[in-house]
Amino acid sequence: LNVQGQNCLRDHIREIARPIFRARVAEVLAGEDDIDFYTEIFLDAILGAMLRWIMRRDCVPPDEFVSDFFSCLISTGKYISDKYIKS
């Protein structure tokens, strides 16, 4: 996982995941102009978290990682919504 450049697992995962994430981001952020920018931001966050989790010696089980990750996303989204979006 620490290898960079040709045959880098991180780049391989990114290339496979990009079209999947792009489709989902385009669905969620319909009407936004720069879907590619948002796709890269989400890929950076998710892949960074996932790779950091995999590389830990004492990593939590996958279901706990996913639960914690989504809890973080939902809590952050709720905070932003409550603070900055006026109903």
PDB file of N, CA and C in Angstrom:
ATOM      1  N   LEU A   1       0.799  -1.205   0.000  1.00  0.00           N
ATOM      2  CA  LEU A   1       0.000   0.000   0.000  1.00  0.00           C
ATOM      3  C   LEU A   1       0.839   1.265   0.000  1.00  0.00           C
ATOM      4  N   ASN A   2       2.098   1.138   0.369  1.00  0.00           N
ATOM      5  CA  ASN A   2       2.961   2.315   0.392  1.00  0.00           C
ATOM      6  C   ASN A   2       3.623   2.588  -0.950  1.00  0.00           C
ATOM      7  N   VAL A   3       3.471   1.686  -1.910  1.00  0.00           N
ATOM      8  CA  VAL A   3       4.080   1.846  -3.228  1.00  0.00           C
ATOM      9  C   VAL A   3       3.343   2.937  -3.992  1.00  0.00           C
ATOM     10  N   GLN A   4       4.117   3.788  -4.660  1.00  0.00           N
ATOM     11  CA  GLN A   4       3.527   4.825  -5.500  1.00  0.00           C
ATOM     12  C   GLN A   4       4.049   4.664  -6.911  1.00  0.00           C
ATOM     13  N   GLY A   5       3.306   5.208  -7.878  1.00  0.00           N
ATOM     14  CA  GLY A   5       3.733   5.122  -9.268  1.00  0.00           C
ATOM     15  C   GLY A   5       3.071   3.957  -9.974  1.00  0.00           C
ATOM     16  N   GLN A   6       3.792   3.378 -10.929  1.00  0.00           N
ATOM     17  CA  GLN A   6       3.247   2.302 -11.746  1.00  0.00           C
ATOM     18  C   GLN A   6       2.798   1.130 -10.875  1.00  0.00           C
ATOM     19  N   ASN A   7       1.644   0.583 -11.177  1.00  0.00           N
ATOM     20  CA  ASN A   7       1.069  -0.560 -10.462  1.00  0.00           C
ATOM     21  C   ASN A   7       0.715  -0.248  -9.003  1.00  0.00           C
ATOM     22  N   CYS A   8       0.489   1.000  -8.701  1.00  0.00           N
ATOM     23  CA  CYS A   8       0.135   1.422  -7.347  1.00  0.00           C
ATOM     24  C   CYS A   8      -1.319   1.021  -7.048  1.00  0.00           C
ATOM     25  N   LEU A   9      -1.538   0.296  -5.959  1.00  0.00           N
ATOM     26  CA  LEU A   9      -2.873  -0.148  -5.583  1.00  0.00           C
ATOM     27  C   LEU A   9      -3.812   1.042  -5.402  1.00  0.00           C
ATOM     28  N   ARG A  10      -3.328   2.083  -4.785  1.00  0.00           N
ATOM     29  CA  ARG A  10      -4.141   3.282  -4.555  1.00  0.00           C
ATOM     30  C   ARG A  10      -4.662   3.848  -5.876  1.00  0.00           C
ATOM     31  N   ASP A  11      -3.794   3.953  -6.879  1.00  0.00           N
ATOM     32  CA  ASP A  11      -4.206   4.467  -8.189  1.00  0.00           C
ATOM     33  C   ASP A  11      -5.171   3.510  -8.873  1.00  0.00           C
ATOM     34  N   HIS A  12      -4.927   2.219  -8.723  1.00  0.00           N
ATOM     35  CA  HIS A  12      -5.802   1.216  -9.316  1.00  0.00           C
ATOM     36  C   HIS A  12      -7.208   1.301  -8.715  1.00  0.00           C
ATOM     37  N   ILE A  13      -7.294   1.379  -7.411  1.00  0.00           N
ATOM     38  CA  ILE A  13      -8.586   1.498  -6.739  1.00  0.00           C
ATOM     39  C   ILE A  13      -9.281   2.782  -7.181  1.00  0.00           C
ATOM     40  N   ARG A  14      -8.540   3.867  -7.268  1.00  0.00           N
ATOM     41  CA  ARG A  14      -9.098   5.154  -7.680  1.00  0.00           C
ATOM     42  C   ARG A  14      -9.695   5.061  -9.082  1.00  0.00           C
ATOM     43  N   GLU A  15      -8.993   4.426  -9.992  1.00  0.00           N
ATOM     44  CA  GLU A  15      -9.478   4.307 -11.372  1.00  0.00           C
ATOM     45  C   GLU A  15     -10.741   3.455 -11.447  1.00  0.00           C
ATOM     46  N   ILE A  16     -10.806   2.414 -10.650  1.00  0.00           N
ATOM     47  CA  ILE A  16     -11.995   1.561 -10.623  1.00  0.00           C
ATOM     48  C   ILE A  16     -13.166   2.289  -9.966  1.00  0.00           C
ATOM     49  N   ALA A  17     -12.897   2.986  -8.893  1.00  0.00           N
ATOM     50  CA  ALA A  17     -13.954   3.635  -8.112  1.00  0.00           C
ATOM     51  C   ALA A  17     -14.462   4.933  -8.740  1.00  0.00           C
ATOM     52  N   ARG A  18     -13.629   5.618  -9.504  1.00  0.00           N
ATOM     53  CA  ARG A  18     -13.996   6.940 -10.040  1.00  0.00           C
ATOM     54  C   ARG A  18     -15.337   6.946 -10.770  1.00  0.00           C
ATOM     55  N   PRO A  19     -15.592   6.061 -11.749  1.00  0.00           N
ATOM     56  CA  PRO A  19     -16.880   6.135 -12.441  1.00  0.00           C
ATOM     57  C   PRO A  19     -18.074   5.843 -11.529  1.00  0.00           C
ATOM     58  N   ILE A  20     -17.871   4.974 -10.549  1.00  0.00           N
ATOM     59  CA  ILE A  20     -18.947   4.650  -9.609  1.00  0.00           C
ATOM     60  C   ILE A  20     -19.265   5.879  -8.756  1.00  0.00           C
ATOM     61  N   PHE A  21     -18.221   6.500  -8.218  1.00  0.00           N
ATOM     62  CA  PHE A  21     -18.410   7.685  -7.396  1.00  0.00           C
ATOM     63  C   PHE A  21     -18.966   8.840  -8.216  1.00  0.00           C
ATOM     64  N   ARG A  22     -18.472   8.993  -9.449  1.00  0.00           N
ATOM     65  CA  ARG A  22     -18.942  10.096 -10.292  1.00  0.00           C
ATOM     66  C   ARG A  22     -20.440   9.982 -10.537  1.00  0.00           C
ATOM     67  N   ALA A  23     -20.907   8.788 -10.827  1.00  0.00           N
ATOM     68  CA  ALA A  23     -22.340   8.580 -11.054  1.00  0.00           C
ATOM     69  C   ALA A  23     -23.145   8.926  -9.807  1.00  0.00           C
ATOM     70  N   ARG A  24     -22.649   8.498  -8.659  1.00  0.00           N
ATOM     71  CA  ARG A  24     -23.367   8.768  -7.404  1.00  0.00           C
ATOM     72  C   ARG A  24     -23.330  10.250  -7.060  1.00  0.00           C
ATOM     73  N   VAL A  25     -22.179  10.883  -7.229  1.00  0.00           N
ATOM     74  CA  VAL A  25     -22.055  12.312  -6.941  1.00  0.00           C
ATOM     75  C   VAL A  25     -22.955  13.113  -7.879  1.00  0.00           C
ATOM     76  N   ALA A  26     -22.992  12.747  -9.151  1.00  0.00           N
ATOM     77  CA  ALA A  26     -23.850  13.447 -10.114  1.00  0.00           C
ATOM     78  C   ALA A  26     -25.315  13.321  -9.714  1.00  0.00           C
ATOM     79  N   GLU A  27     -25.690  12.182  -9.149  1.00  0.00           N
ATOM     80  CA  GLU A  27     -27.066  11.977  -8.690  1.00  0.00           C
ATOM     81  C   GLU A  27     -27.367  12.848  -7.468  1.00  0.00           C
ATOM     82  N   VAL A  28     -26.451  12.831  -6.508  1.00  0.00           N
ATOM     83  CA  VAL A  28     -26.663  13.562  -5.254  1.00  0.00           C
ATOM     84  C   VAL A  28     -26.564  15.073  -5.461  1.00  0.00           C
ATOM     85  N   LEU A  29     -25.625  15.499  -6.296  1.00  0.00           N
ATOM     86  CA  LEU A  29     -25.396  16.930  -6.509  1.00  0.00           C
ATOM     87  C   LEU A  29     -25.891  17.376  -7.883  1.00  0.00           C
ATOM     88  N   ALA A  30     -27.044  16.878  -8.270  1.00  0.00           N
ATOM     89  CA  ALA A  30     -27.622  17.239  -9.572  1.00  0.00           C
ATOM     90  C   ALA A  30     -27.707  18.761  -9.684  1.00  0.00           C
ATOM     91  N   GLY A  31     -27.298  19.270 -10.823  1.00  0.00           N
ATOM     92  CA  GLY A  31     -27.352  20.711 -11.052  1.00  0.00           C
ATOM     93  C   GLY A  31     -26.035  21.419 -10.781  1.00  0.00           C
ATOM     94  N   GLU A  32     -25.104  20.758 -10.103  1.00  0.00           N
ATOM     95  CA  GLU A  32     -23.788  21.359  -9.866  1.00  0.00           C
ATOM     96  C   GLU A  32     -22.981  21.299 -11.155  1.00  0.00           C
ATOM     97  N   ASP A  33     -22.147  22.299 -11.371  1.00  0.00           N
ATOM     98  CA  ASP A  33     -21.386  22.380 -12.615  1.00  0.00           C
ATOM     99  C   ASP A  33     -20.148  21.489 -12.644  1.00  0.00           C
ATOM    100  N   ASP A  34     -19.459  21.368 -11.539  1.00  0.00           N
ATOM    101  CA  ASP A  34     -18.158  20.705 -11.548  1.00  0.00           C
ATOM    102  C   ASP A  34     -18.195  19.365 -10.816  1.00  0.00           C
ATOM    103  N   ILE A  35     -18.902  18.406 -11.382  1.00  0.00           N
ATOM    104  CA  ILE A  35     -19.056  17.085 -10.768  1.00  0.00           C
ATOM    105  C   ILE A  35     -17.699  16.396 -10.607  1.00  0.00           C
ATOM    106  N   ASP A  36     -16.789  16.599 -11.559  1.00  0.00           N
ATOM    107  CA  ASP A  36     -15.474  15.962 -11.464  1.00  0.00           C
ATOM    108  C   ASP A  36     -14.711  16.443 -10.234  1.00  0.00           C
ATOM    109  N   PHE A  37     -14.803  17.729  -9.912  1.00  0.00           N
ATOM    110  CA  PHE A  37     -14.146  18.270  -8.715  1.00  0.00           C
ATOM    111  C   PHE A  37     -14.683  17.586  -7.460  1.00  0.00           C
ATOM    112  N   TYR A  38     -16.001  17.518  -7.345  1.00  0.00           N
ATOM    113  CA  TYR A  38     -16.612  16.898  -6.168  1.00  0.00           C
ATOM    114  C   TYR A  38     -16.278  15.410  -6.095  1.00  0.00           C
ATOM    115  N   THR A  39     -16.239  14.756  -7.237  1.00  0.00           N
ATOM    116  CA  THR A  39     -15.888  13.339  -7.275  1.00  0.00           C
ATOM    117  C   THR A  39     -14.497  13.120  -6.695  1.00  0.00           C
ATOM    118  N   GLU A  40     -13.538  13.936  -7.107  1.00  0.00           N
ATOM    119  CA  GLU A  40     -12.165  13.791  -6.614  1.00  0.00           C
ATOM    120  C   GLU A  40     -12.070  14.077  -5.119  1.00  0.00           C
ATOM    121  N   ILE A  41     -12.818  15.053  -4.631  1.00  0.00           N
ATOM    122  CA  ILE A  41     -12.818  15.366  -3.196  1.00  0.00           C
ATOM    123  C   ILE A  41     -13.325  14.161  -2.394  1.00  0.00           C
ATOM    124  N   PHE A  42     -14.449  13.593  -2.822  1.00  0.00           N
ATOM    125  CA  PHE A  42     -15.000  12.435  -2.115  1.00  0.00           C
ATOM    126  C   PHE A  42     -14.079  11.220  -2.224  1.00  0.00           C
ATOM    127  N   LEU A  43     -13.496  10.998  -3.395  1.00  0.00           N
ATOM    128  CA  LEU A  43     -12.554   9.884  -3.540  1.00  0.00           C
ATOM    129  C   LEU A  43     -11.360  10.052  -2.611  1.00  0.00           C
ATOM    130  N   ASP A  44     -10.811  11.252  -2.538  1.00  0.00           N
ATOM    131  CA  ASP A  44      -9.682  11.507  -1.633  1.00  0.00           C
ATOM    132  C   ASP A  44     -10.048  11.165  -0.192  1.00  0.00           C
ATOM    133  N   ALA A  45     -11.204  11.628   0.242  1.00  0.00           N
ATOM    134  CA  ALA A  45     -11.620  11.400   1.628  1.00  0.00           C
ATOM    135  C   ALA A  45     -11.843   9.919   1.909  1.00  0.00           C
ATOM    136  N   ILE A  46     -12.580   9.270   1.045  1.00  0.00           N
ATOM    137  CA  ILE A  46     -12.936   7.875   1.290  1.00  0.00           C
ATOM    138  C   ILE A  46     -11.730   6.953   1.156  1.00  0.00           C
ATOM    139  N   LEU A  47     -10.951   7.144   0.089  1.00  0.00           N
ATOM    140  CA  LEU A  47      -9.769   6.288  -0.086  1.00  0.00           C
ATOM    141  C   LEU A  47      -8.729   6.548   0.995  1.00  0.00           C
ATOM    142  N   GLY A  48      -8.560   7.796   1.377  1.00  0.00           N
ATOM    143  CA  GLY A  48      -7.618   8.112   2.453  1.00  0.00           C
ATOM    144  C   GLY A  48      -8.007   7.421   3.752  1.00  0.00           C
ATOM    145  N   ALA A  49      -9.281   7.504   4.095  1.00  0.00           N
ATOM    146  CA  ALA A  49      -9.765   6.863   5.325  1.00  0.00           C
ATOM    147  C   ALA A  49      -9.631   5.342   5.232  1.00  0.00           C
ATOM    148  N   MET A  50     -10.012   4.789   4.090  1.00  0.00           N
ATOM    149  CA  MET A  50      -9.964   3.341   3.922  1.00  0.00           C
ATOM    150  C   MET A  50      -8.528   2.821   3.981  1.00  0.00           C
ATOM    151  N   LEU A  51      -7.617   3.474   3.283  1.00  0.00           N
ATOM    152  CA  LEU A  51      -6.221   3.021   3.289  1.00  0.00           C
ATOM    153  C   LEU A  51      -5.575   3.176   4.660  1.00  0.00           C
ATOM    154  N   ARG A  52      -5.896   4.264   5.348  1.00  0.00           N
ATOM    155  CA  ARG A  52      -5.370   4.454   6.704  1.00  0.00           C
ATOM    156  C   ARG A  52      -5.891   3.347   7.617  1.00  0.00           C
ATOM    157  N   TRP A  53      -7.173   2.972   7.470  1.00  0.00           N
ATOM    158  CA  TRP A  53      -7.770   1.908   8.269  1.00  0.00           C
ATOM    159  C   TRP A  53      -7.085   0.565   7.981  1.00  0.00           C
ATOM    160  N   ILE A  54      -6.875   0.253   6.704  1.00  0.00           N
ATOM    161  CA  ILE A  54      -6.262  -1.022   6.322  1.00  0.00           C
ATOM    162  C   ILE A  54      -4.840  -1.146   6.867  1.00  0.00           C
ATOM    163  N   MET A  55      -4.110  -0.047   6.897  1.00  0.00           N
ATOM    164  CA  MET A  55      -2.698  -0.086   7.285  1.00  0.00           C
ATOM    165  C   MET A  55      -2.480  -0.143   8.799  1.00  0.00           C
ATOM    166  N   ARG A  56      -3.519   0.062   9.585  1.00  0.00           N
ATOM    167  CA  ARG A  56      -3.365  -0.003  11.042  1.00  0.00           C
ATOM    168  C   ARG A  56      -3.245  -1.444  11.506  1.00  0.00           C
ATOM    169  N   ARG A  57      -2.360  -1.685  12.431  1.00  0.00           N
ATOM    170  CA  ARG A  57      -2.200  -3.034  12.980  1.00  0.00           C
ATOM    171  C   ARG A  57      -3.443  -3.453  13.769  1.00  0.00           C
ATOM    172  N   ASP A  58      -4.035  -2.515  14.457  1.00  0.00           N
ATOM    173  CA  ASP A  58      -5.173  -2.821  15.326  1.00  0.00           C
ATOM    174  C   ASP A  58      -6.476  -2.283  14.738  1.00  0.00           C
ATOM    175  N   CYS A  59      -6.651  -2.460  13.423  1.00  0.00           N
ATOM    176  CA  CYS A  59      -7.833  -1.885  12.773  1.00  0.00           C
ATOM    177  C   CYS A  59      -9.113  -2.569  13.258  1.00  0.00           C
ATOM    178  N   VAL A  60     -10.166  -1.778  13.290  1.00  0.00           N
ATOM    179  CA  VAL A  60     -11.468  -2.294  13.703  1.00  0.00           C
ATOM    180  C   VAL A  60     -12.033  -3.170  12.585  1.00  0.00           C
ATOM    181  N   PRO A  61     -13.007  -4.010  12.885  1.00  0.00           N
ATOM    182  CA  PRO A  61     -13.624  -4.844  11.846  1.00  0.00           C
ATOM    183  C   PRO A  61     -14.277  -3.966  10.764  1.00  0.00           C
ATOM    184  N   PRO A  62     -14.411  -4.507   9.540  1.00  0.00           N
ATOM    185  CA  PRO A  62     -14.959  -3.728   8.427  1.00  0.00           C
ATOM    186  C   PRO A  62     -16.327  -3.109   8.707  1.00  0.00           C
ATOM    187  N   ASP A  63     -17.237  -3.857   9.330  1.00  0.00           N
ATOM    188  CA  ASP A  63     -18.565  -3.303   9.590  1.00  0.00           C
ATOM    189  C   ASP A  63     -18.501  -2.124  10.551  1.00  0.00           C
ATOM    190  N   GLU A  64     -17.585  -2.166  11.499  1.00  0.00           N
ATOM    191  CA  GLU A  64     -17.423  -1.056  12.435  1.00  0.00           C
ATOM    192  C   GLU A  64     -16.807   0.151  11.725  1.00  0.00           C
ATOM    193  N   PHE A  65     -15.830  -0.084  10.858  1.00  0.00           N
ATOM    194  CA  PHE A  65     -15.226   1.007  10.088  1.00  0.00           C
ATOM    195  C   PHE A  65     -16.282   1.717   9.237  1.00  0.00           C
ATOM    196  N   VAL A  66     -17.076   0.938   8.508  1.00  0.00           N
ATOM    197  CA  VAL A  66     -18.104   1.518   7.641  1.00  0.00           C
ATOM    198  C   VAL A  66     -19.130   2.288   8.477  1.00  0.00           C
ATOM    199  N   SER A  67     -19.543   1.714   9.579  1.00  0.00           N
ATOM    200  CA  SER A  67     -20.505   2.379  10.458  1.00  0.00           C
ATOM    201  C   SER A  67     -19.947   3.697  10.987  1.00  0.00           C
ATOM    202  N   ASP A  68     -18.698   3.678  11.451  1.00  0.00           N
ATOM    203  CA  ASP A  68     -18.062   4.894  11.962  1.00  0.00           C
ATOM    204  C   ASP A  68     -17.901   5.941  10.857  1.00  0.00           C
ATOM    205  N   PHE A  69     -17.511   5.487   9.662  1.00  0.00           N
ATOM    206  CA  PHE A  69     -17.304   6.407   8.549  1.00  0.00           C
ATOM    207  C   PHE A  69     -18.615   7.093   8.176  1.00  0.00           C
ATOM    208  N   PHE A  70     -19.688   6.316   8.036  1.00  0.00           N
ATOM    209  CA  PHE A  70     -20.974   6.906   7.678  1.00  0.00           C
ATOM    210  C   PHE A  70     -21.525   7.775   8.800  1.00  0.00           C
ATOM    211  N   SER A  71     -21.288   7.403  10.032  1.00  0.00           N
ATOM    212  CA  SER A  71     -21.705   8.230  11.156  1.00  0.00           C
ATOM    213  C   SER A  71     -21.015   9.590  11.092  1.00  0.00           C
ATOM    214  N   CYS A  72     -19.744   9.586  10.759  1.00  0.00           N
ATOM    215  CA  CYS A  72     -18.994  10.840  10.607  1.00  0.00           C
ATOM    216  C   CYS A  72     -19.598  11.694   9.491  1.00  0.00           C
ATOM    217  N   LEU A  73     -19.872  11.076   8.343  1.00  0.00           N
ATOM    218  CA  LEU A  73     -20.463  11.812   7.217  1.00  0.00           C
ATOM    219  C   LEU A  73     -21.828  12.392   7.574  1.00  0.00           C
ATOM    220  N   ILE A  74     -22.668  11.582   8.195  1.00  0.00           N
ATOM    221  CA  ILE A  74     -24.015  12.021   8.535  1.00  0.00           C
ATOM    222  C   ILE A  74     -23.975  13.134   9.576  1.00  0.00           C
ATOM    223  N   SER A  75     -23.139  12.983  10.591  1.00  0.00           N
ATOM    224  CA  SER A  75     -23.023  14.015  11.628  1.00  0.00           C
ATOM    225  C   SER A  75     -22.517  15.329  11.047  1.00  0.00           C
ATOM    226  N   THR A  76     -21.526  15.234  10.172  1.00  0.00           N
ATOM    227  CA  THR A  76     -20.979  16.442   9.545  1.00  0.00           C
ATOM    228  C   THR A  76     -22.020  17.103   8.647  1.00  0.00           C
ATOM    229  N   GLY A  77     -22.715  16.289   7.847  1.00  0.00           N
ATOM    230  CA  GLY A  77     -23.761  16.829   6.988  1.00  0.00           C
ATOM    231  C   GLY A  77     -24.866  17.496   7.784  1.00  0.00           C
ATOM    232  N   LYS A  78     -25.272  16.880   8.885  1.00  0.00           N
ATOM    233  CA  LYS A  78     -26.310  17.454   9.730  1.00  0.00           C
ATOM    234  C   LYS A  78     -25.840  18.770  10.337  1.00  0.00           C
ATOM    235  N   TYR A  79     -24.601  18.814  10.806  1.00  0.00           N
ATOM    236  CA  TYR A  79     -24.063  20.043  11.380  1.00  0.00           C
ATOM    237  C   TYR A  79     -24.079  21.177  10.351  1.00  0.00           C
ATOM    238  N   ILE A  80     -23.591  20.881   9.155  1.00  0.00           N
ATOM    239  CA  ILE A  80     -23.560  21.895   8.102  1.00  0.00           C
ATOM    240  C   ILE A  80     -24.973  22.345   7.760  1.00  0.00           C
ATOM    241  N   SER A  81     -25.879  21.394   7.636  1.00  0.00           N
ATOM    242  CA  SER A  81     -27.261  21.721   7.316  1.00  0.00           C
ATOM    243  C   SER A  81     -27.885  22.597   8.393  1.00  0.00           C
ATOM    244  N   ASP A  82     -27.714  22.220   9.652  1.00  0.00           N
ATOM    245  CA  ASP A  82     -28.292  22.977  10.771  1.00  0.00           C
ATOM    246  C   ASP A  82     -27.690  24.370  10.873  1.00  0.00           C
ATOM    247  N   LYS A  83     -26.402  24.480  10.647  1.00  0.00           N
ATOM    248  CA  LYS A  83     -25.709  25.754  10.846  1.00  0.00           C
ATOM    249  C   LYS A  83     -25.857  26.717   9.650  1.00  0.00           C
ATOM    250  N   TYR A  84     -25.839  26.208   8.443  1.00  0.00           N
ATOM    251  CA  TYR A  84     -25.731  27.082   7.286  1.00  0.00           C
ATOM    252  C   TYR A  84     -26.934  27.106   6.359  1.00  0.00           C
ATOM    253  N   ILE A  85     -27.838  26.168   6.511  1.00  0.00           N
ATOM    254  CA  ILE A  85     -29.007  26.154   5.622  1.00  0.00           C
ATOM    255  C   ILE A  85     -30.218  26.576   6.426  1.00  0.00           C
ATOM    256  N   LYS A  86     -30.736  27.715   6.069  1.00  0.00           N
ATOM    257  CA  LYS A  86     -31.909  28.261   6.763  1.00  0.00           C
ATOM    258  C   LYS A  86     -33.176  27.735   6.086  1.00  0.00           C
ATOM    259  N   SER A  87     -34.062  27.189   6.875  1.00  0.00           N
ATOM    260  CA  SER A  87     -35.333  26.682   6.335  1.00  0.00           C
ATOM    261  C   SER A  87     -36.355  27.780   6.236  1.00  0.00           C
TER     262      SER A  87
END
